[in-house]
C-alpha cells in the first residue's frame, strides 16, 4: 500500500534552516507529482511546493527563493529545503501524492520557528 513518511522537522530559530524528507513506498514514485503541504494551528492546509517526476518544481509565492523542493527517484524520496525560516512558517508539514484520484498523506512533521 502507499506510504509516505516525513522526517526532519524540529525547533529552529528565526533565520535558520531545515531540510524535510519524505520517503515513499508502495507505488512507482517517479510516475507521480509529489506535493509538500503545511498546516498551521487554526489555519487550512496549504500547498507549499510541488515537483513532477521529471523534476519540474513550483513553489508558492511566499516561499519562492526561500524553500526548495527536490526529489531523488532512485531513493523514492523527496525533500523540502527551507532557509531563512520565519515564525509564520511554523506548521505541520505533510507530503502528498494523488494516485487514482485518491489523496495520500504522510503523518506529518512539526516545524516550529521560535526564538
PDB file of N, CA and C in Angstrom:
ATOM      1  N   UNK A   1       0.834  -1.182   0.000  1.00  0.00           N
ATOM      2  CA  UNK A   1       0.000   0.000   0.000  1.00  0.00           C
ATOM      3  C   UNK A   1       0.878   1.244   0.000  1.00  0.00           C
ATOM      4  N   UNK A   2       0.268   2.343  -0.416  1.00  0.00           N
ATOM      5  CA  UNK A   2       1.003   3.610  -0.476  1.00  0.00           C
ATOM      6  C   UNK A   2       1.354   4.076   0.932  1.00  0.00           C
ATOM      7  N   UNK A   3       2.609   4.417   1.105  1.00  0.00           N
ATOM      8  CA  UNK A   3       3.051   5.000   2.376  1.00  0.00           C
ATOM      9  C   UNK A   3       3.965   6.180   2.088  1.00  0.00           C
ATOM     10  N   UNK A   4       3.770   7.222   2.866  1.00  0.00           N
ATOM     11  CA  UNK A   4       4.613   8.415   2.812  1.00  0.00           C
ATOM     12  C   UNK A   4       5.049   8.712   4.240  1.00  0.00           C
ATOM     13  N   UNK A   5       6.336   8.846   4.445  1.00  0.00           N
ATOM     14  CA  UNK A   5       6.853   9.078   5.789  1.00  0.00           C
ATOM     15  C   UNK A   5       7.755  10.302   5.782  1.00  0.00           C
ATOM     16  N   UNK A   6       7.313  11.336   6.505  1.00  0.00           N
ATOM     17  CA  UNK A   6       8.085  12.566   6.602  1.00  0.00           C
ATOM     18  C   UNK A   6       9.012  12.530   7.816  1.00  0.00           C
ATOM     19  N   UNK A   7      10.085  13.283   7.703  1.00  0.00           N
ATOM     20  CA  UNK A   7      11.008  13.453   8.823  1.00  0.00           C
ATOM     21  C   UNK A   7      11.777  14.754   8.630  1.00  0.00           C
ATOM     22  N   UNK A   8      12.479  15.163   9.674  1.00  0.00           N
ATOM     23  CA  UNK A   8      13.350  16.323   9.563  1.00  0.00           C
ATOM     24  C   UNK A   8      12.850  17.582  10.234  1.00  0.00           C
ATOM     25  N   UNK A   9      11.634  17.546  10.753  1.00  0.00           N
ATOM     26  CA  UNK A   9      11.123  18.728  11.437  1.00  0.00           C
ATOM     27  C   UNK A   9      11.818  18.947  12.769  1.00  0.00           C
ATOM     28  N   UNK A  10      11.468  20.060  13.405  1.00  0.00           N
ATOM     29  CA  UNK A  10      12.053  20.364  14.706  1.00  0.00           C
ATOM     30  C   UNK A  10      11.882  21.817  15.056  1.00  0.00           C
ATOM     31  N   UNK A  11      12.591  22.215  16.107  1.00  0.00           N
ATOM     32  CA  UNK A  11      12.573  23.601  16.577  1.00  0.00           C
ATOM     33  C   UNK A  11      13.787  24.316  16.010  1.00  0.00           C
ATOM     34  N   UNK A  12      13.555  25.465  15.407  1.00  0.00           N
ATOM     35  CA  UNK A  12      14.648  26.227  14.807  1.00  0.00           C
ATOM     36  C   UNK A  12      14.407  27.705  15.085  1.00  0.00           C
ATOM     37  N   UNK A  13      15.483  28.449  15.222  1.00  0.00           N
ATOM     38  CA  UNK A  13      15.362  29.884  15.451  1.00  0.00           C
ATOM     39  C   UNK A  13      15.036  30.610  14.151  1.00  0.00           C
ATOM     40  N   UNK A  14      14.407  31.770  14.254  1.00  0.00           N
ATOM     41  CA  UNK A  14      14.161  32.568  13.034  1.00  0.00           C
ATOM     42  C   UNK A  14      15.462  32.801  12.270  1.00  0.00           C
ATOM     43  N   UNK A  15      15.364  32.653  10.951  1.00  0.00           N
ATOM     44  CA  UNK A  15      16.539  32.775  10.110  1.00  0.00           C
ATOM     45  C   UNK A  15      17.271  31.476   9.883  1.00  0.00           C
ATOM     46  N   UNK A  16      16.877  30.446  10.598  1.00  0.00           N
ATOM     47  CA  UNK A  16      17.539  29.158  10.471  1.00  0.00           C
ATOM     48  C   UNK A  16      17.028  28.347   9.290  1.00  0.00           C
ATOM     49  N   UNK A  17      17.569  27.142   9.165  1.00  0.00           N
ATOM     50  CA  UNK A  17      17.241  26.260   8.052  1.00  0.00           C
ATOM     51  C   UNK A  17      16.882  24.862   8.542  1.00  0.00           C
ATOM     52  N   UNK A  18      16.061  24.209   7.764  1.00  0.00           N
ATOM     53  CA  UNK A  18      15.735  22.806   7.978  1.00  0.00           C
ATOM     54  C   UNK A  18      15.547  22.148   6.626  1.00  0.00           C
ATOM     55  N   UNK A  19      15.818  20.857   6.569  1.00  0.00           N
ATOM     56  CA  UNK A  19      15.503  20.079   5.376  1.00  0.00           C
ATOM     57  C   UNK A  19      14.578  18.940   5.761  1.00  0.00           C
ATOM     58  N   UNK A  20      13.410  18.936   5.174  1.00  0.00           N
ATOM     59  CA  UNK A  20      12.438  17.878   5.405  1.00  0.00           C
ATOM     60  C   UNK A  20      12.626  16.787   4.353  1.00  0.00           C
ATOM     61  N   UNK A  21      12.366  15.559   4.757  1.00  0.00           N
ATOM     62  CA  UNK A  21      12.440  14.421   3.848  1.00  0.00           C
ATOM     63  C   UNK A  21      11.111  13.690   3.829  1.00  0.00           C
ATOM     64  N   UNK A  22      10.818  13.087   2.694  1.00  0.00           N
ATOM     65  CA  UNK A  22       9.617  12.261   2.536  1.00  0.00           C
ATOM     66  C   UNK A  22      10.049  10.998   1.810  1.00  0.00           C
ATOM     67  N   UNK A  23       9.899   9.876   2.466  1.00  0.00           N
ATOM     68  CA  UNK A  23      10.236   8.592   1.850  1.00  0.00           C
ATOM     69  C   UNK A  23       8.945   7.889   1.477  1.00  0.00           C
ATOM     70  N   UNK A  24       8.856   7.463   0.228  1.00  0.00           N
ATOM     71  CA  UNK A  24       7.634   6.864  -0.303  1.00  0.00           C
ATOM     72  C   UNK A  24       7.821   5.380  -0.567  1.00  0.00           C
ATOM     73  N   UNK A  25       6.726   4.648  -0.499  1.00  0.00           N
ATOM     74  CA  UNK A  25       6.745   3.233  -0.849  1.00  0.00           C
ATOM     75  C   UNK A  25       5.358   2.805  -1.295  1.00  0.00           C
ATOM     76  N   UNK A  26       5.304   1.677  -1.992  1.00  0.00           N
ATOM     77  CA  UNK A  26       4.013   1.117  -2.377  1.00  0.00           C
ATOM     78  C   UNK A  26       3.499   1.562  -3.732  1.00  0.00           C
ATOM     79  N   UNK A  27       4.291   2.358  -4.458  1.00  0.00           N
ATOM     80  CA  UNK A  27       3.884   2.795  -5.786  1.00  0.00           C
ATOM     81  C   UNK A  27       5.130   3.209  -6.555  1.00  0.00           C
ATOM     82  N   UNK A  28       4.962   3.426  -7.858  1.00  0.00           N
ATOM     83  CA  UNK A  28       6.082   3.828  -8.701  1.00  0.00           C
ATOM     84  C   UNK A  28       6.330   5.323  -8.519  1.00  0.00           C
ATOM     85  N   UNK A  29       7.252   5.632  -7.639  1.00  0.00           N
ATOM     86  CA  UNK A  29       7.456   7.011  -7.189  1.00  0.00           C
ATOM     87  C   UNK A  29       7.688   7.978  -8.350  1.00  0.00           C
ATOM     88  N   UNK A  30       8.485   7.595  -9.307  1.00  0.00           N
ATOM     89  CA  UNK A  30       8.864   8.510 -10.383  1.00  0.00           C
ATOM     90  C   UNK A  30       7.685   8.925 -11.247  1.00  0.00           C
ATOM     91  N   UNK A  31       6.599   8.204 -11.158  1.00  0.00           N
ATOM     92  CA  UNK A  31       5.466   8.482 -12.022  1.00  0.00           C
ATOM     93  C   UNK A  31       4.474   9.489 -11.487  1.00  0.00           C
ATOM     94  N   UNK A  32       4.768  10.059 -10.325  1.00  0.00           N
ATOM     95  CA  UNK A  32       3.773  10.907  -9.679  1.00  0.00           C
ATOM     96  C   UNK A  32       4.352  12.249  -9.242  1.00  0.00           C
ATOM     97  N   UNK A  33       3.506  13.274  -9.352  1.00  0.00           N
ATOM     98  CA  UNK A  33       3.823  14.564  -8.765  1.00  0.00           C
ATOM     99  C   UNK A  33       3.813  14.420  -7.251  1.00  0.00           C
ATOM    100  N   UNK A  34       4.812  15.000  -6.615  1.00  0.00           N
ATOM    101  CA  UNK A  34       4.920  14.987  -5.166  1.00  0.00           C
ATOM    102  C   UNK A  34       4.704  16.403  -4.654  1.00  0.00           C
ATOM    103  N   UNK A  35       3.830  16.530  -3.692  1.00  0.00           N
ATOM    104  CA  UNK A  35       3.498  17.841  -3.129  1.00  0.00           C
ATOM    105  C   UNK A  35       3.922  17.923  -1.669  1.00  0.00           C
ATOM    106  N   UNK A  36       4.336  19.092  -1.259  1.00  0.00           N
ATOM    107  CA  UNK A  36       4.502  19.410   0.166  1.00  0.00           C
ATOM    108  C   UNK A  36       3.407  20.407   0.549  1.00  0.00           C
ATOM    109  N   UNK A  37       2.710  20.095   1.640  1.00  0.00           N
ATOM    110  CA  UNK A  37       1.690  20.965   2.215  1.00  0.00           C
ATOM    111  C   UNK A  37       2.127  21.324   3.639  1.00  0.00           C
ATOM    112  N   UNK A  38       1.479  22.342   4.171  1.00  0.00           N
ATOM    113  CA  UNK A  38       1.651  22.652   5.584  1.00  0.00           C
ATOM    114  C   UNK A  38       0.317  23.110   6.168  1.00  0.00           C
ATOM    115  N   UNK A  39       0.200  22.892   7.463  1.00  0.00           N
ATOM    116  CA  UNK A  39      -0.999  23.340   8.181  1.00  0.00           C
ATOM    117  C   UNK A  39      -0.581  23.957   9.492  1.00  0.00           C
ATOM    118  N   UNK A  40      -0.835  25.262   9.608  1.00  0.00           N
ATOM    119  CA  UNK A  40      -0.541  25.984  10.838  1.00  0.00           C
ATOM    120  C   UNK A  40      -1.752  25.899  11.756  1.00  0.00           C
ATOM    121  N   UNK A  41      -1.556  26.065  13.053  1.00  0.00           N
ATOM    122  CA  UNK A  41      -2.676  25.992  14.000  1.00  0.00           C
ATOM    123  C   UNK A  41      -3.790  26.960  13.618  1.00  0.00           C
ATOM    124  N   UNK A  42      -5.010  26.437  13.545  1.00  0.00           N
ATOM    125  CA  UNK A  42      -6.155  27.270  13.250  1.00  0.00           C
ATOM    126  C   UNK A  42      -6.297  27.685  11.803  1.00  0.00           C
ATOM    127  N   UNK A  43      -5.442  27.158  10.933  1.00  0.00           N
ATOM    128  CA  UNK A  43      -5.497  27.529   9.520  1.00  0.00           C
ATOM    129  C   UNK A  43      -5.725  26.306   8.651  1.00  0.00           C
ATOM    130  N   UNK A  44      -6.143  26.561   7.415  1.00  0.00           N
ATOM    131  CA  UNK A  44      -6.341  25.475   6.474  1.00  0.00           C
ATOM    132  C   UNK A  44      -4.991  24.971   5.958  1.00  0.00           C
ATOM    133  N   UNK A  45      -4.993  23.730   5.535  1.00  0.00           N
ATOM    134  CA  UNK A  45      -3.795  23.158   4.940  1.00  0.00           C
ATOM    135  C   UNK A  45      -3.546  23.837   3.591  1.00  0.00           C
ATOM    136  N   UNK A  46      -2.298  24.217   3.337  1.00  0.00           N
ATOM    137  CA  UNK A  46      -1.975  24.874   2.081  1.00  0.00           C
ATOM    138  C   UNK A  46      -0.813  24.171   1.398  1.00  0.00           C
ATOM    139  N   UNK A  47      -0.876  24.162   0.059  1.00  0.00           N
ATOM    140  CA  UNK A  47       0.210  23.581  -0.706  1.00  0.00           C
ATOM    141  C   UNK A  47       1.380  24.553  -0.733  1.00  0.00           C
ATOM    142  N   UNK A  48       2.559  24.047  -0.440  1.00  0.00           N
ATOM    143  CA  UNK A  48       3.762  24.877  -0.398  1.00  0.00           C
ATOM    144  C   UNK A  48       4.560  24.747  -1.685  1.00  0.00           C
ATOM    145  N   UNK A  49       4.685  23.515  -2.163  1.00  0.00           N
ATOM    146  CA  UNK A  49       5.501  23.278  -3.352  1.00  0.00           C
ATOM    147  C   UNK A  49       5.105  21.946  -3.963  1.00  0.00           C
ATOM    148  N   UNK A  50       5.422  21.791  -5.246  1.00  0.00           N
ATOM    149  CA  UNK A  50       5.183  20.525  -5.922  1.00  0.00           C
ATOM    150  C   UNK A  50       6.310  20.285  -6.914  1.00  0.00           C
ATOM    151  N   UNK A  51       6.490  19.014  -7.247  1.00  0.00           N
ATOM    152  CA  UNK A  51       7.549  18.655  -8.197  1.00  0.00           C
ATOM    153  C   UNK A  51       7.097  17.461  -9.018  1.00  0.00           C
ATOM    154  N   UNK A  52       7.269  17.547 -10.330  1.00  0.00           N
ATOM    155  CA  UNK A  52       6.890  16.442 -11.198  1.00  0.00           C
ATOM    156  C   UNK A  52       7.942  15.333 -11.131  1.00  0.00           C
ATOM    157  N   UNK A  53       7.607  14.220 -11.744  1.00  0.00           N
ATOM    158  CA  UNK A  53       8.537  13.107 -11.756  1.00  0.00           C
ATOM    159  C   UNK A  53       9.843  13.407 -12.469  1.00  0.00           C
ATOM    160  N   UNK A  54       9.792  14.372 -13.395  1.00  0.00           N
ATOM    161  CA  UNK A  54      10.992  14.751 -14.145  1.00  0.00           C
ATOM    162  C   UNK A  54      11.698  15.959 -13.536  1.00  0.00           C
ATOM    163  N   UNK A  55      11.190  16.439 -12.391  1.00  0.00           N
ATOM    164  CA  UNK A  55      11.917  17.470 -11.665  1.00  0.00           C
ATOM    165  C   UNK A  55      11.463  18.899 -11.864  1.00  0.00           C
ATOM    166  N   UNK A  56      10.363  19.104 -12.545  1.00  0.00           N
ATOM    167  CA  UNK A  56       9.858  20.467 -12.687  1.00  0.00           C
ATOM    168  C   UNK A  56       9.169  20.871 -11.398  1.00  0.00           C
ATOM    169  N   UNK A  57       9.623  21.967 -10.821  1.00  0.00           N
ATOM    170  CA  UNK A  57       9.169  22.366  -9.499  1.00  0.00           C
ATOM    171  C   UNK A  57       8.380  23.672  -9.532  1.00  0.00           C
ATOM    172  N   UNK A  58       7.454  23.771  -8.592  1.00  0.00           N
ATOM    173  CA  UNK A  58       6.715  25.007  -8.370  1.00  0.00           C
ATOM    174  C   UNK A  58       6.642  25.265  -6.875  1.00  0.00           C
ATOM    175  N   UNK A  59       6.707  26.540  -6.510  1.00  0.00           N
ATOM    176  CA  UNK A  59       6.612  26.947  -5.112  1.00  0.00           C
ATOM    177  C   UNK A  59       5.616  28.092  -5.012  1.00  0.00           C
ATOM    178  N   UNK A  60       4.909  28.166  -3.886  1.00  0.00           N
ATOM    179  CA  UNK A  60       4.019  29.300  -3.700  1.00  0.00           C
ATOM    180  C   UNK A  60       4.862  30.565  -3.538  1.00  0.00           C
ATOM    181  N   UNK A  61       4.226  31.692  -3.849  1.00  0.00           N
ATOM    182  CA  UNK A  61       4.972  32.950  -3.887  1.00  0.00           C
ATOM    183  C   UNK A  61       5.660  33.269  -2.560  1.00  0.00           C
ATOM    184  N   UNK A  62       5.000  32.961  -1.462  1.00  0.00           N
ATOM    185  CA  UNK A  62       5.535  33.356  -0.152  1.00  0.00           C
ATOM    186  C   UNK A  62       6.817  32.615   0.220  1.00  0.00           C
ATOM    187  N   UNK A  63       7.147  31.525  -0.467  1.00  0.00           N
ATOM    188  CA  UNK A  63       8.365  30.779  -0.137  1.00  0.00           C
ATOM    189  C   UNK A  63       9.362  30.745  -1.283  1.00  0.00           C
ATOM    190  N   UNK A  64       9.044  31.377  -2.399  1.00  0.00           N
ATOM    191  CA  UNK A  64       9.971  31.383  -3.527  1.00  0.00           C
ATOM    192  C   UNK A  64      11.292  32.020  -3.134  1.00  0.00           C
ATOM    193  N   UNK A  65      12.367  31.356  -3.464  1.00  0.00           N
ATOM    194  CA  UNK A  65      13.680  31.836  -3.095  1.00  0.00           C
ATOM    195  C   UNK A  65      14.103  31.474  -1.694  1.00  0.00           C
ATOM    196  N   UNK A  66      13.182  30.928  -0.903  1.00  0.00           N
ATOM    197  CA  UNK A  66      13.478  30.546   0.486  1.00  0.00           C
ATOM    198  C   UNK A  66      13.417  29.035   0.661  1.00  0.00           C
ATOM    199  N   UNK A  67      12.414  28.405   0.045  1.00  0.00           N
ATOM    200  CA  UNK A  67      12.239  26.961   0.110  1.00  0.00           C
ATOM    201  C   UNK A  67      12.561  26.365  -1.254  1.00  0.00           C
ATOM    202  N   UNK A  68      13.097  25.148  -1.251  1.00  0.00           N
ATOM    203  CA  UNK A  68      13.394  24.439  -2.494  1.00  0.00           C
ATOM    204  C   UNK A  68      12.954  22.992  -2.391  1.00  0.00           C
ATOM    205  N   UNK A  69      12.075  22.596  -3.289  1.00  0.00           N
ATOM    206  CA  UNK A  69      11.638  21.208  -3.339  1.00  0.00           C
ATOM    207  C   UNK A  69      12.540  20.440  -4.305  1.00  0.00           C
ATOM    208  N   UNK A  70      12.823  19.198  -3.975  1.00  0.00           N
ATOM    209  CA  UNK A  70      13.625  18.350  -4.854  1.00  0.00           C
ATOM    210  C   UNK A  70      13.206  16.896  -4.635  1.00  0.00           C
ATOM    211  N   UNK A  71      13.714  16.013  -5.479  1.00  0.00           N
ATOM    212  CA  UNK A  71      13.387  14.598  -5.325  1.00  0.00           C
ATOM    213  C   UNK A  71      14.544  13.765  -5.849  1.00  0.00           C
ATOM    214  N   UNK A  72      14.597  12.543  -5.359  1.00  0.00           N
ATOM    215  CA  UNK A  72      15.546  11.538  -5.832  1.00  0.00           C
ATOM    216  C   UNK A  72      14.733  10.286  -6.124  1.00  0.00           C
ATOM    217  N   UNK A  73      14.418  10.078  -7.388  1.00  0.00           N
ATOM    218  CA  UNK A  73      13.551   8.959  -7.744  1.00  0.00           C
ATOM    219  C   UNK A  73      14.192   7.610  -7.418  1.00  0.00           C
ATOM    220  N   UNK A  74      15.501   7.535  -7.494  1.00  0.00           N
ATOM    221  CA  UNK A  74      16.185   6.279  -7.182  1.00  0.00           C
ATOM    222  C   UNK A  74      16.007   5.890  -5.723  1.00  0.00           C
ATOM    223  N   UNK A  75      15.805   6.896  -4.874  1.00  0.00           N
ATOM    224  CA  UNK A  75      15.602   6.636  -3.443  1.00  0.00           C
ATOM    225  C   UNK A  75      14.141   6.771  -3.034  1.00  0.00           C
ATOM    226  N   UNK A  76      13.254   6.975  -4.014  1.00  0.00           N
ATOM    227  CA  UNK A  76      11.825   7.174  -3.714  1.00  0.00           C
ATOM    228  C   UNK A  76      11.648   8.218  -2.618  1.00  0.00           C
ATOM    229  N   UNK A  77      12.371   9.291  -2.755  1.00  0.00           N
ATOM    230  CA  UNK A  77      12.377  10.316  -1.711  1.00  0.00           C
ATOM    231  C   UNK A  77      12.223  11.706  -2.299  1.00  0.00           C
ATOM    232  N   UNK A  78      11.636  12.569  -1.505  1.00  0.00           N
ATOM    233  CA  UNK A  78      11.518  13.983  -1.848  1.00  0.00           C
ATOM    234  C   UNK A  78      11.968  14.799  -0.650  1.00  0.00           C
ATOM    235  N   UNK A  79      12.327  16.032  -0.936  1.00  0.00           N
ATOM    236  CA  UNK A  79      12.901  16.887   0.101  1.00  0.00           C
ATOM    237  C   UNK A  79      12.319  18.285  -0.004  1.00  0.00           C
ATOM    238  N   UNK A  80      12.352  18.985   1.126  1.00  0.00           N
ATOM    239  CA  UNK A  80      11.994  20.405   1.138  1.00  0.00           C
ATOM    240  C   UNK A  80      13.065  21.114   1.955  1.00  0.00           C
ATOM    241  N   UNK A  81      13.948  21.802   1.245  1.00  0.00           N
ATOM    242  CA  UNK A  81      14.965  22.615   1.900  1.00  0.00           C
ATOM    243  C   UNK A  81      14.351  23.950   2.242  1.00  0.00           C
ATOM    244  N   UNK A  82      14.399  24.318   3.520  1.00  0.00           N
ATOM    245  CA  UNK A  82      13.764  25.551   3.979  1.00  0.00           C
ATOM    246  C   UNK A  82      14.825  26.438   4.608  1.00  0.00           C
ATOM    247  N   UNK A  83      15.020  27.603   4.029  1.00  0.00           N
ATOM    248  CA  UNK A  83      16.010  28.560   4.515  1.00  0.00           C
ATOM    249  C   UNK A  83      15.326  29.833   4.987  1.00  0.00           C
ATOM    250  N   UNK A  84      16.046  30.607   5.776  1.00  0.00           N
ATOM    251  CA  UNK A  84      15.531  31.886   6.276  1.00  0.00           C
ATOM    252  C   UNK A  84      14.141  31.724   6.887  1.00  0.00           C
ATOM    253  N   UNK A  85      14.000  30.740   7.733  1.00  0.00           N
ATOM    254  CA  UNK A  85      12.686  30.426   8.308  1.00  0.00           C
ATOM    255  C   UNK A  85      12.176  31.559   9.180  1.00  0.00           C
ATOM    256  N   UNK A  86      10.849  31.723   9.153  1.00  0.00           N
ATOM    257  CA  UNK A  86      10.172  32.766   9.919  1.00  0.00           C
ATOM    258  C   UNK A  86       9.177  32.125  10.866  1.00  0.00           C
ATOM    259  N   UNK A  87       8.793  32.824  11.918  1.00  0.00           N
ATOM    260  CA  UNK A  87       7.786  32.254  12.832  1.00  0.00           C
ATOM    261  C   UNK A  87       6.499  31.832  12.110  1.00  0.00           C
ATOM    262  N   UNK A  88       6.138  32.557  11.068  1.00  0.00           N
ATOM    263  CA  UNK A  88       4.909  32.199  10.337  1.00  0.00           C
ATOM    264  C   UNK A  88       5.045  30.929   9.512  1.00  0.00           C
ATOM    265  N   UNK A  89       6.252  30.364   9.431  1.00  0.00           N
ATOM    266  CA  UNK A  89       6.435  29.065   8.781  1.00  0.00           C
ATOM    267  C   UNK A  89       6.135  27.904   9.730  1.00  0.00           C
ATOM    268  N   UNK A  90       5.862  28.222  10.990  1.00  0.00           N
ATOM    269  CA  UNK A  90       5.521  27.190  11.962  1.00  0.00           C
ATOM    270  C   UNK A  90       4.259  26.460  11.523  1.00  0.00           C
ATOM    271  N   UNK A  91       4.351  25.142  11.414  1.00  0.00           N
ATOM    272  CA  UNK A  91       3.235  24.337  10.926  1.00  0.00           C
ATOM    273  C   UNK A  91       3.631  22.865  10.966  1.00  0.00           C
ATOM    274  N   UNK A  92       2.657  22.019  10.752  1.00  0.00           N
ATOM    275  CA  UNK A  92       2.934  20.621  10.451  1.00  0.00           C
ATOM    276  C   UNK A  92       3.049  20.507   8.934  1.00  0.00           C
ATOM    277  N   UNK A  93       4.130  19.897   8.487  1.00  0.00           N
ATOM    278  CA  UNK A  93       4.398  19.760   7.054  1.00  0.00           C
ATOM    279  C   UNK A  93       4.122  18.324   6.620  1.00  0.00           C
ATOM    280  N   UNK A  94       3.406  18.201   5.511  1.00  0.00           N
ATOM    281  CA  UNK A  94       2.987  16.896   5.002  1.00  0.00           C
ATOM    282  C   UNK A  94       3.450  16.719   3.555  1.00  0.00           C
ATOM    283  N   UNK A  95       3.835  15.512   3.196  1.00  0.00           N
ATOM    284  CA  UNK A  95       3.995  15.217   1.776  1.00  0.00           C
ATOM    285  C   UNK A  95       2.739  14.488   1.294  1.00  0.00           C
ATOM    286  N   UNK A  96       2.514  14.582   0.004  1.00  0.00           N
ATOM    287  CA  UNK A  96       1.231  14.159  -0.571  1.00  0.00           C
ATOM    288  C   UNK A  96       1.404  13.723  -2.016  1.00  0.00           C
ATOM    289  N   UNK A  97       0.689  12.703  -2.402  1.00  0.00           N
ATOM    290  CA  UNK A  97       0.528  12.368  -3.811  1.00  0.00           C
ATOM    291  C   UNK A  97      -0.950  12.110  -4.068  1.00  0.00           C
ATOM    292  N   UNK A  98      -1.333  12.204  -5.321  1.00  0.00           N
ATOM    293  CA  UNK A  98      -2.673  11.821  -5.742  1.00  0.00           C
ATOM    294  C   UNK A  98      -2.509  10.648  -6.705  1.00  0.00           C
ATOM    295  N   UNK A  99      -3.065   9.525  -6.328  1.00  0.00           N
ATOM    296  CA  UNK A  99      -2.951   8.315  -7.134  1.00  0.00           C
ATOM    297  C   UNK A  99      -4.337   7.732  -7.328  1.00  0.00           C
ATOM    298  N   UNK A 100      -4.716   7.557  -8.564  1.00  0.00           N
ATOM    299  CA  UNK A 100      -6.044   7.017  -8.890  1.00  0.00           C
ATOM    300  C   UNK A 100      -7.125   7.841  -8.187  1.00  0.00           C
ATOM    301  N   UNK A 101      -6.970   9.169  -8.239  1.00  0.00           N
ATOM    302  CA  UNK A 101      -7.923  10.133  -7.709  1.00  0.00           C
ATOM    303  C   UNK A 101      -8.026  10.098  -6.184  1.00  0.00           C
ATOM    304  N   UNK A 102      -7.105   9.434  -5.528  1.00  0.00           N
ATOM    305  CA  UNK A 102      -7.099   9.371  -4.064  1.00  0.00           C
ATOM    306  C   UNK A 102      -5.898  10.150  -3.537  1.00  0.00           C
ATOM    307  N   UNK A 103      -6.145  11.002  -2.557  1.00  0.00           N
ATOM    308  CA  UNK A 103      -5.068  11.723  -1.895  1.00  0.00           C
ATOM    309  C   UNK A 103      -4.426  10.837  -0.828  1.00  0.00           C
ATOM    310  N   UNK A 104      -3.104  10.745  -0.869  1.00  0.00           N
ATOM    311  CA  UNK A 104      -2.354  10.030   0.161  1.00  0.00           C
ATOM    312  C   UNK A 104      -1.479  11.036   0.906  1.00  0.00           C
ATOM    313  N   UNK A 105      -1.468  10.888   2.219  1.00  0.00           N
ATOM    314  CA  UNK A 105      -0.734  11.814   3.082  1.00  0.00           C
ATOM    315  C   UNK A 105       0.183  11.038   4.013  1.00  0.00           C
ATOM    316  N   UNK A 106       1.288  11.667   4.354  1.00  0.00           N
ATOM    317  CA  UNK A 106       2.078  11.151   5.450  1.00  0.00           C
ATOM    318  C   UNK A 106       1.478  11.624   6.768  1.00  0.00           C
ATOM    319  N   UNK A 107       2.166  11.253   7.863  1.00  0.00           N
ATOM    320  CA  UNK A 107       1.679  11.629   9.194  1.00  0.00           C
ATOM    321  C   UNK A 107       2.054  13.051   9.550  1.00  0.00           C
ATOM    322  N   UNK A 108       2.982  13.625   8.777  1.00  0.00           N
ATOM    323  CA  UNK A 108       3.403  14.993   9.013  1.00  0.00           C
ATOM    324  C   UNK A 108       4.609  15.100   9.934  1.00  0.00           C
ATOM    325  N   UNK A 109       5.295  16.227   9.817  1.00  0.00           N
ATOM    326  CA  UNK A 109       6.424  16.517  10.698  1.00  0.00           C
ATOM    327  C   UNK A 109       6.304  17.970  11.152  1.00  0.00           C
ATOM    328  N   UNK A 110       6.455  18.187  12.448  1.00  0.00           N
ATOM    329  CA  UNK A 110       6.245  19.511  13.027  1.00  0.00           C
ATOM    330  C   UNK A 110       7.480  20.384  12.820  1.00  0.00           C
ATOM    331  N   UNK A 111       7.252  21.580  12.312  1.00  0.00           N
ATOM    332  CA  UNK A 111       8.302  22.599  12.217  1.00  0.00           C
ATOM    333  C   UNK A 111       7.882  23.779  13.082  1.00  0.00           C
ATOM    334  N   UNK A 112       8.722  24.140  14.028  1.00  0.00           N
ATOM    335  CA  UNK A 112       8.457  25.262  14.907  1.00  0.00           C
ATOM    336  C   UNK A 112       9.600  26.260  14.780  1.00  0.00           C
ATOM    337  N   UNK A 113       9.253  27.480  14.413  1.00  0.00           N
ATOM    338  CA  UNK A 113      10.258  28.538  14.268  1.00  0.00           C
ATOM    339  C   UNK A 113      10.037  29.540  15.391  1.00  0.00           C
ATOM    340  N   UNK A 114      10.958  29.564  16.324  1.00  0.00           N
ATOM    341  CA  UNK A 114      10.792  30.403  17.502  1.00  0.00           C
ATOM    342  C   UNK A 114      12.140  30.672  18.139  1.00  0.00           C
ATOM    343  N   UNK A 115      12.243  31.843  18.743  1.00  0.00           N
ATOM    344  CA  UNK A 115      13.460  32.168  19.478  1.00  0.00           C
ATOM    345  C   UNK A 115      13.308  31.831  20.951  1.00  0.00           C
TER     346      UNK A 115
END
